[in-house]
Amino acid sequence: MEGNKVNTRKRQLPPPWYPGDAAGVRAFIAAAPEPPGAQSAPAVMVPHAGWFYSGAIALRGISLLERDADTVAVIGGHLAPMTRPLFAAEDAVETPLGPLEIDGEFRELLKKELGGRPDFQGDNTVEIQLPLIAHFLPRSRLLWIRLPPATASFEAGRRIGEIARSLNRKTVLVASTDLTHYGDAYGFSPQGSALRALEWVKTVNDRRFIEAVEAGDPRKVLERAEGEFSACSAGAVLGALGFADALGLESARLLVYATSADTAGRGGALVPPSFVGYAAMAWLRSPGGKGDDHVYS
């Protein structure tokens, strides 16, 4: 910062992606289905489409995050495998509920270790989550990072957990990815169209990716995402797996799954020609694990 001037990253997604003002954000959250009672989580995986399609699913995951976190690490993707990690370069980011401060000390330590560079691109994977974070964790600082679909992203996630402990920063993490992009719009339709294709995406292609995440196997997560086209931002999930490993968290649990076809109320014979899969998953603390013996203030 220069003096008291705060360099704020402005909103880049237009209002159809998510509401344009605080009232719209709060109305969306109030109208969302009440989730069943669940233990709070230090890490979640959520989708990143427009809120009409996947906002309620993302809310289900983000609403579970531990509310007393000092820092929220949001990991996005949409990168090629050889891309270096990207970090928001600003001091804060704009949301309809007010700005979220960037955890600059954390960012600079991690950026130096990973050889990261500034993220100047307009991309939905991180931004789409920020209004929900501003609502549920308004006092937490933000770590904005995008990771590539590469095995190094697992180690990057581990370092997030380790640096958090070294800084005495209670940190929670959001991994942002959509699942199978199916249909002519995405150039991927191995099962034809209509109900047969939708059922295959749900019960086979997306299911295999979810099982790899549940197994905590970064190699399978990467193989299935890249080889079976079942996730668009696998680097974010690999980062979450590394973070979970560093904190000794339990295996990921599936919270909710749907597709854009379901969310839009279109099913059966009215399956659209192209659609996307969405899931929310959570990693919980393991009793007696490394995640329970922190000395966070």
Protein backbone atom coordinates (compact mmCIF):
# COMPACT_ATOMS: atom_id res chain seq x y z
CA MET A 1 0.00 0.00 0.00
CA GLU A 2 1.04 3.59 -0.58
CA GLY A 3 0.19 5.59 2.53
CA ASN A 4 -3.40 4.75 3.41
CA LYS A 5 -4.40 4.05 -0.17
CA VAL A 6 -5.78 0.51 -0.62
CA ASN A 7 -5.36 -1.10 -4.03
CA THR A 8 -8.65 -2.97 -4.50
CA ARG A 9 -9.30 -5.58 -7.17
CA LYS A 10 -12.59 -4.64 -8.82
CA ARG A 11 -15.41 -6.99 -9.70
CA GLN A 12 -14.94 -8.42 -13.19
CA LEU A 13 -17.93 -10.78 -13.58
CA PRO A 14 -21.19 -9.06 -14.67
CA PRO A 15 -24.30 -9.34 -12.45
CA PRO A 16 -25.82 -12.38 -14.19
CA TRP A 17 -23.01 -14.40 -12.58
CA TYR A 18 -23.99 -13.30 -9.07
CA PRO A 19 -26.07 -10.46 -7.59
CA GLY A 20 -24.86 -6.92 -8.08
CA ASP A 21 -25.64 -5.61 -4.60
CA ALA A 22 -25.72 -6.64 -0.96
CA ALA A 23 -29.50 -7.02 -0.89
CA GLY A 24 -29.38 -9.46 -3.79
CA VAL A 25 -26.66 -11.55 -2.16
CA ARG A 26 -28.53 -11.71 1.15
CA ALA A 27 -31.80 -12.57 -0.58
CA PHE A 28 -30.13 -15.43 -2.44
CA ILE A 29 -28.65 -16.81 0.78
CA ALA A 30 -31.96 -16.47 2.64
CA ALA A 31 -33.81 -18.34 -0.12
CA ALA A 32 -31.34 -21.26 -0.24
CA PRO A 33 -32.44 -24.57 1.27
CA GLU A 34 -31.45 -25.05 4.89
CA PRO A 35 -28.57 -27.57 4.97
CA PRO A 36 -28.82 -30.51 7.37
CA GLY A 37 -26.83 -30.16 10.57
CA ALA A 38 -23.16 -30.87 10.00
CA GLN A 39 -19.80 -30.36 11.66
CA SER A 40 -17.93 -27.27 10.51
CA ALA A 41 -15.09 -27.86 8.08
CA PRO A 42 -11.60 -26.42 7.51
CA ALA A 43 -11.70 -27.25 3.76
CA VAL A 44 -14.37 -27.61 1.10
CA MET A 45 -14.68 -28.16 -2.65
CA VAL A 46 -17.38 -26.16 -4.44
CA PRO A 47 -18.44 -25.35 -8.03
CA HIS A 48 -17.95 -22.03 -9.78
CA ALA A 49 -20.70 -21.53 -12.36
CA GLY A 50 -23.15 -18.65 -12.19
CA TRP A 51 -25.23 -18.67 -9.04
CA PHE A 52 -28.44 -19.58 -10.92
CA TYR A 53 -26.89 -22.95 -11.70
CA SER A 54 -24.53 -23.74 -8.84
CA GLY A 55 -24.75 -21.00 -6.25
CA ALA A 56 -26.81 -23.05 -3.79
CA ILE A 57 -24.31 -25.90 -4.05
CA ALA A 58 -21.35 -23.57 -3.44
CA LEU A 59 -23.24 -22.04 -0.51
CA ARG A 60 -23.71 -25.50 0.99
CA GLY A 61 -19.95 -25.97 1.15
CA ILE A 62 -18.84 -22.45 2.08
CA SER A 63 -21.44 -22.19 4.85
CA LEU A 64 -19.64 -25.08 6.61
CA LEU A 65 -16.30 -23.30 6.85
CA GLU A 66 -15.05 -22.63 10.36
CA ARG A 67 -16.17 -19.07 11.08
CA ASP A 68 -13.24 -18.13 13.33
CA ALA A 69 -10.65 -18.46 10.56
CA ASP A 70 -8.01 -15.75 10.25
CA THR A 71 -7.47 -16.46 6.55
CA VAL A 72 -9.55 -18.06 3.80
CA ALA A 73 -7.49 -19.54 0.98
CA VAL A 74 -9.59 -19.73 -2.20
CA ILE A 75 -7.95 -21.85 -4.88
CA GLY A 76 -9.17 -21.53 -8.44
CA GLY A 77 -7.94 -23.01 -11.68
CA HIS A 78 -8.61 -22.75 -15.43
CA LEU A 79 -4.87 -23.04 -16.05
CA ALA A 80 -2.67 -25.19 -18.29
CA PRO A 81 -0.50 -27.82 -16.54
CA MET A 82 2.78 -25.92 -16.96
CA THR A 83 1.41 -22.57 -15.77
CA ARG A 84 2.94 -21.05 -12.65
CA PRO A 85 0.58 -20.37 -9.72
CA LEU A 86 -1.27 -17.07 -9.93
CA PHE A 87 -1.94 -14.73 -6.99
CA ALA A 88 -4.08 -11.60 -6.71
CA ALA A 89 -1.65 -8.70 -6.53
CA GLU A 90 -4.00 -6.24 -4.79
CA ASP A 91 -4.48 -5.36 -1.12
CA ALA A 92 -8.21 -6.19 -1.16
CA VAL A 93 -10.96 -7.47 -3.43
CA GLU A 94 -14.37 -5.93 -4.07
CA THR A 95 -17.60 -7.79 -3.21
CA PRO A 96 -21.23 -6.60 -3.00
CA LEU A 97 -20.94 -6.95 0.79
CA GLY A 98 -17.82 -4.83 1.02
CA PRO A 99 -14.11 -5.47 0.45
CA LEU A 100 -12.19 -8.51 1.63
CA GLU A 101 -8.63 -7.79 2.71
CA ILE A 102 -5.84 -9.87 1.15
CA ASP A 103 -3.48 -11.58 3.60
CA GLY A 104 -0.38 -10.00 2.11
CA GLU A 105 2.17 -11.61 4.42
CA PHE A 106 0.82 -15.09 3.72
CA ARG A 107 0.64 -14.39 -0.02
CA GLU A 108 4.22 -13.18 -0.28
CA LEU A 109 5.63 -16.18 1.61
CA LEU A 110 3.72 -18.67 -0.52
CA LYS A 111 4.29 -16.78 -3.76
CA LYS A 112 8.05 -16.77 -3.17
CA GLU A 113 8.13 -20.51 -2.46
CA LEU A 114 6.00 -21.46 -5.45
CA GLY A 115 7.47 -19.01 -7.94
CA GLY A 116 4.04 -17.47 -8.42
CA ARG A 117 3.14 -14.46 -10.49
CA PRO A 118 0.34 -11.84 -10.38
CA ASP A 119 -3.14 -12.82 -11.56
CA PHE A 120 -4.39 -10.04 -13.80
CA GLN A 121 -6.89 -12.16 -15.72
CA GLY A 122 -10.66 -12.04 -15.41
CA ASP A 123 -11.64 -15.49 -14.17
CA ASN A 124 -14.68 -16.84 -12.35
CA THR A 125 -13.10 -19.62 -10.30
CA VAL A 126 -12.13 -17.42 -7.34
CA GLU A 127 -14.31 -14.35 -7.80
CA ILE A 128 -17.62 -16.23 -7.85
CA GLN A 129 -16.99 -17.49 -4.28
CA LEU A 130 -16.15 -14.12 -2.72
CA PRO A 131 -19.65 -12.79 -1.88
CA LEU A 132 -20.41 -16.00 0.02
CA ILE A 133 -17.11 -15.73 1.89
CA ALA A 134 -17.84 -12.08 2.67
CA HIS A 135 -21.17 -13.16 4.16
CA PHE A 136 -20.05 -16.15 6.21
CA LEU A 137 -16.49 -15.05 7.12
CA PRO A 138 -16.53 -11.24 6.90
CA ARG A 139 -13.62 -10.77 9.31
CA SER A 140 -11.27 -13.26 7.65
CA ARG A 141 -8.52 -12.19 5.27
CA LEU A 142 -8.23 -13.71 1.82
CA LEU A 143 -5.56 -15.68 -0.01
CA TRP A 144 -6.44 -15.63 -3.76
CA ILE A 145 -4.54 -18.28 -5.69
CA ARG A 146 -5.01 -20.30 -8.85
CA LEU A 147 -3.14 -23.57 -9.27
CA PRO A 148 -2.50 -25.62 -12.43
CA PRO A 149 -3.57 -29.26 -12.93
CA ALA A 150 -0.17 -30.69 -11.99
CA THR A 151 1.21 -32.80 -9.15
CA ALA A 152 3.07 -29.76 -7.79
CA SER A 153 -0.31 -28.32 -6.77
CA PHE A 154 -0.64 -31.03 -4.10
CA GLU A 155 2.62 -29.81 -2.56
CA ALA A 156 1.41 -26.21 -2.87
CA GLY A 157 -1.62 -27.14 -0.79
CA ARG A 158 0.62 -28.76 1.80
CA ARG A 159 2.66 -25.58 2.02
CA ILE A 160 -0.50 -23.54 2.60
CA GLY A 161 -1.21 -25.68 5.64
CA GLU A 162 2.38 -25.56 6.87
CA ILE A 163 2.79 -21.80 6.41
CA ALA A 164 -0.53 -21.24 8.17
CA ARG A 165 0.82 -23.08 11.19
CA SER A 166 4.14 -21.23 11.11
CA LEU A 167 2.29 -17.88 11.04
CA ASN A 168 -0.15 -19.03 13.74
CA ARG A 169 -2.92 -18.30 11.23
CA LYS A 170 -6.09 -20.35 11.52
CA THR A 171 -6.70 -20.98 7.82
CA VAL A 172 -9.58 -22.59 5.96
CA LEU A 173 -9.57 -23.47 2.27
CA VAL A 174 -11.99 -23.46 -0.65
CA ALA A 175 -11.17 -25.51 -3.76
CA SER A 176 -13.14 -24.26 -6.77
CA THR A 177 -13.94 -26.62 -9.64
CA ASP A 178 -16.82 -27.71 -11.85
CA LEU A 179 -17.05 -31.32 -12.99
CA THR A 180 -17.83 -32.83 -16.41
CA HIS A 181 -18.60 -30.32 -19.16
CA TYR A 182 -20.74 -32.39 -21.52
CA GLY A 183 -22.20 -31.72 -24.95
CA ASP A 184 -21.50 -29.98 -28.22
CA ALA A 185 -20.79 -26.67 -26.49
CA TYR A 186 -17.77 -28.30 -24.85
CA GLY A 187 -16.73 -30.71 -27.62
CA PHE A 188 -17.28 -33.76 -25.39
CA SER A 189 -20.24 -36.11 -25.98
CA PRO A 190 -19.07 -39.77 -25.87
CA GLN A 191 -22.53 -41.01 -24.81
CA GLY A 192 -24.63 -39.16 -27.34
CA SER A 193 -27.30 -36.89 -25.90
CA ALA A 194 -30.43 -36.72 -23.74
CA LEU A 195 -31.13 -38.85 -20.68
CA ARG A 196 -28.54 -41.52 -21.43
CA ALA A 197 -25.78 -38.92 -21.50
CA LEU A 198 -26.99 -37.23 -18.32
CA GLU A 199 -27.14 -40.51 -16.40
CA TRP A 200 -23.64 -41.45 -17.59
CA VAL A 201 -22.21 -38.15 -16.42
CA LYS A 202 -23.89 -38.52 -13.03
CA THR A 203 -23.24 -42.19 -12.33
CA VAL A 204 -19.98 -42.83 -14.15
CA ASN A 205 -17.83 -39.86 -15.15
CA ASP A 206 -18.47 -37.48 -12.28
CA ARG A 207 -18.82 -40.38 -9.85
CA ARG A 208 -15.32 -41.62 -10.68
CA PHE A 209 -13.83 -38.18 -10.04
CA ILE A 210 -15.69 -37.82 -6.74
CA GLU A 211 -14.46 -41.27 -5.67
CA ALA A 212 -10.87 -40.25 -6.40
CA VAL A 213 -11.31 -37.16 -4.20
CA GLU A 214 -12.88 -39.25 -1.45
CA ALA A 215 -9.92 -41.64 -1.66
CA GLY A 216 -7.52 -38.71 -1.25
CA ASP A 217 -5.47 -39.91 -4.21
CA PRO A 218 -3.92 -36.94 -6.07
CA ARG A 219 -2.67 -39.14 -8.92
CA LYS A 220 -6.18 -40.51 -9.61
CA VAL A 221 -7.73 -37.07 -9.25
CA LEU A 222 -5.39 -35.70 -11.91
CA GLU A 223 -5.72 -38.73 -14.19
CA ARG A 224 -9.50 -38.70 -14.10
CA ALA A 225 -9.80 -34.96 -14.50
CA GLU A 226 -7.41 -34.81 -17.44
CA GLY A 227 -8.08 -38.21 -19.06
CA GLU A 228 -11.83 -38.36 -18.53
CA PHE A 229 -12.60 -34.61 -18.75
CA SER A 230 -14.36 -34.77 -15.39
CA ALA A 231 -13.06 -31.56 -13.78
CA CYS A 232 -12.01 -28.20 -15.21
CA SER A 233 -9.79 -27.06 -12.32
CA ALA A 234 -8.15 -30.15 -10.88
CA GLY A 235 -5.25 -28.08 -9.53
CA ALA A 236 -7.60 -26.55 -6.97
CA VAL A 237 -8.63 -30.01 -5.75
CA LEU A 238 -5.02 -31.18 -5.60
CA GLY A 239 -4.27 -28.13 -3.47
CA ALA A 240 -7.12 -29.06 -1.12
CA LEU A 241 -5.82 -32.63 -0.84
CA GLY A 242 -2.36 -31.35 0.08
CA PHE A 243 -3.85 -28.95 2.63
CA ALA A 244 -5.93 -31.77 4.12
CA ASP A 245 -2.82 -33.95 4.31
CA ALA A 246 -0.82 -31.24 6.09
CA LEU A 247 -3.58 -30.76 8.67
CA GLY A 248 -4.36 -34.46 9.10
CA LEU A 249 -7.98 -34.03 8.04
CA GLU A 250 -10.45 -36.83 7.42
CA SER A 251 -11.22 -38.01 3.89
CA ALA A 252 -13.48 -35.75 1.86
CA ARG A 253 -17.22 -36.29 2.14
CA LEU A 254 -19.73 -35.57 -0.61
CA LEU A 255 -22.31 -33.01 0.57
CA VAL A 256 -24.43 -32.53 -2.53
CA TYR A 257 -24.25 -33.23 -6.27
CA ALA A 258 -26.28 -31.94 -9.22
CA THR A 259 -25.89 -30.82 -12.83
CA SER A 260 -26.89 -27.65 -14.61
CA ALA A 261 -29.66 -29.72 -16.24
CA ASP A 262 -31.12 -30.52 -12.81
CA THR A 263 -30.58 -27.07 -11.38
CA ALA A 264 -32.43 -25.45 -14.26
CA GLY A 265 -35.36 -27.83 -13.68
CA ARG A 266 -34.81 -29.66 -16.93
CA GLY A 267 -34.68 -33.42 -16.86
CA GLY A 268 -35.86 -36.54 -18.67
CA ALA A 269 -36.72 -35.86 -22.29
CA LEU A 270 -35.86 -32.18 -21.81
CA VAL A 271 -32.17 -32.74 -21.06
CA PRO A 272 -30.34 -29.80 -22.67
CA PRO A 273 -27.74 -30.55 -25.35
CA SER A 274 -24.93 -29.30 -23.09
CA PHE A 275 -24.65 -29.33 -19.30
CA VAL A 276 -22.12 -29.32 -16.44
CA GLY A 277 -21.72 -31.34 -13.24
CA TYR A 278 -21.37 -29.72 -9.81
CA ALA A 279 -20.45 -31.07 -6.37
CA ALA A 280 -19.79 -29.74 -2.88
CA MET A 281 -17.46 -31.79 -0.69
CA ALA A 282 -15.95 -31.20 2.75
CA TRP A 283 -12.87 -32.28 4.67
CA LEU A 284 -13.50 -32.46 8.43
CA ARG A 285 -11.04 -32.47 11.30
CA SER A 286 -9.95 -35.90 12.46
CA PRO A 287 -10.12 -36.36 16.26
CA GLY A 288 -6.56 -36.41 17.54
CA GLY A 289 -5.14 -35.46 14.16
CA LYS A 290 -2.69 -32.69 13.35
CA GLY A 291 -5.58 -30.35 12.69
CA ASP A 292 -6.65 -30.52 16.35
CA ASP A 293 -3.40 -29.58 18.08
CA HIS A 294 -2.94 -26.10 16.60
CA VAL A 295 -2.05 -23.17 18.82
CA TYR A 296 -4.08 -20.57 16.96
CA SER A 297 -4.91 -17.50 19.01
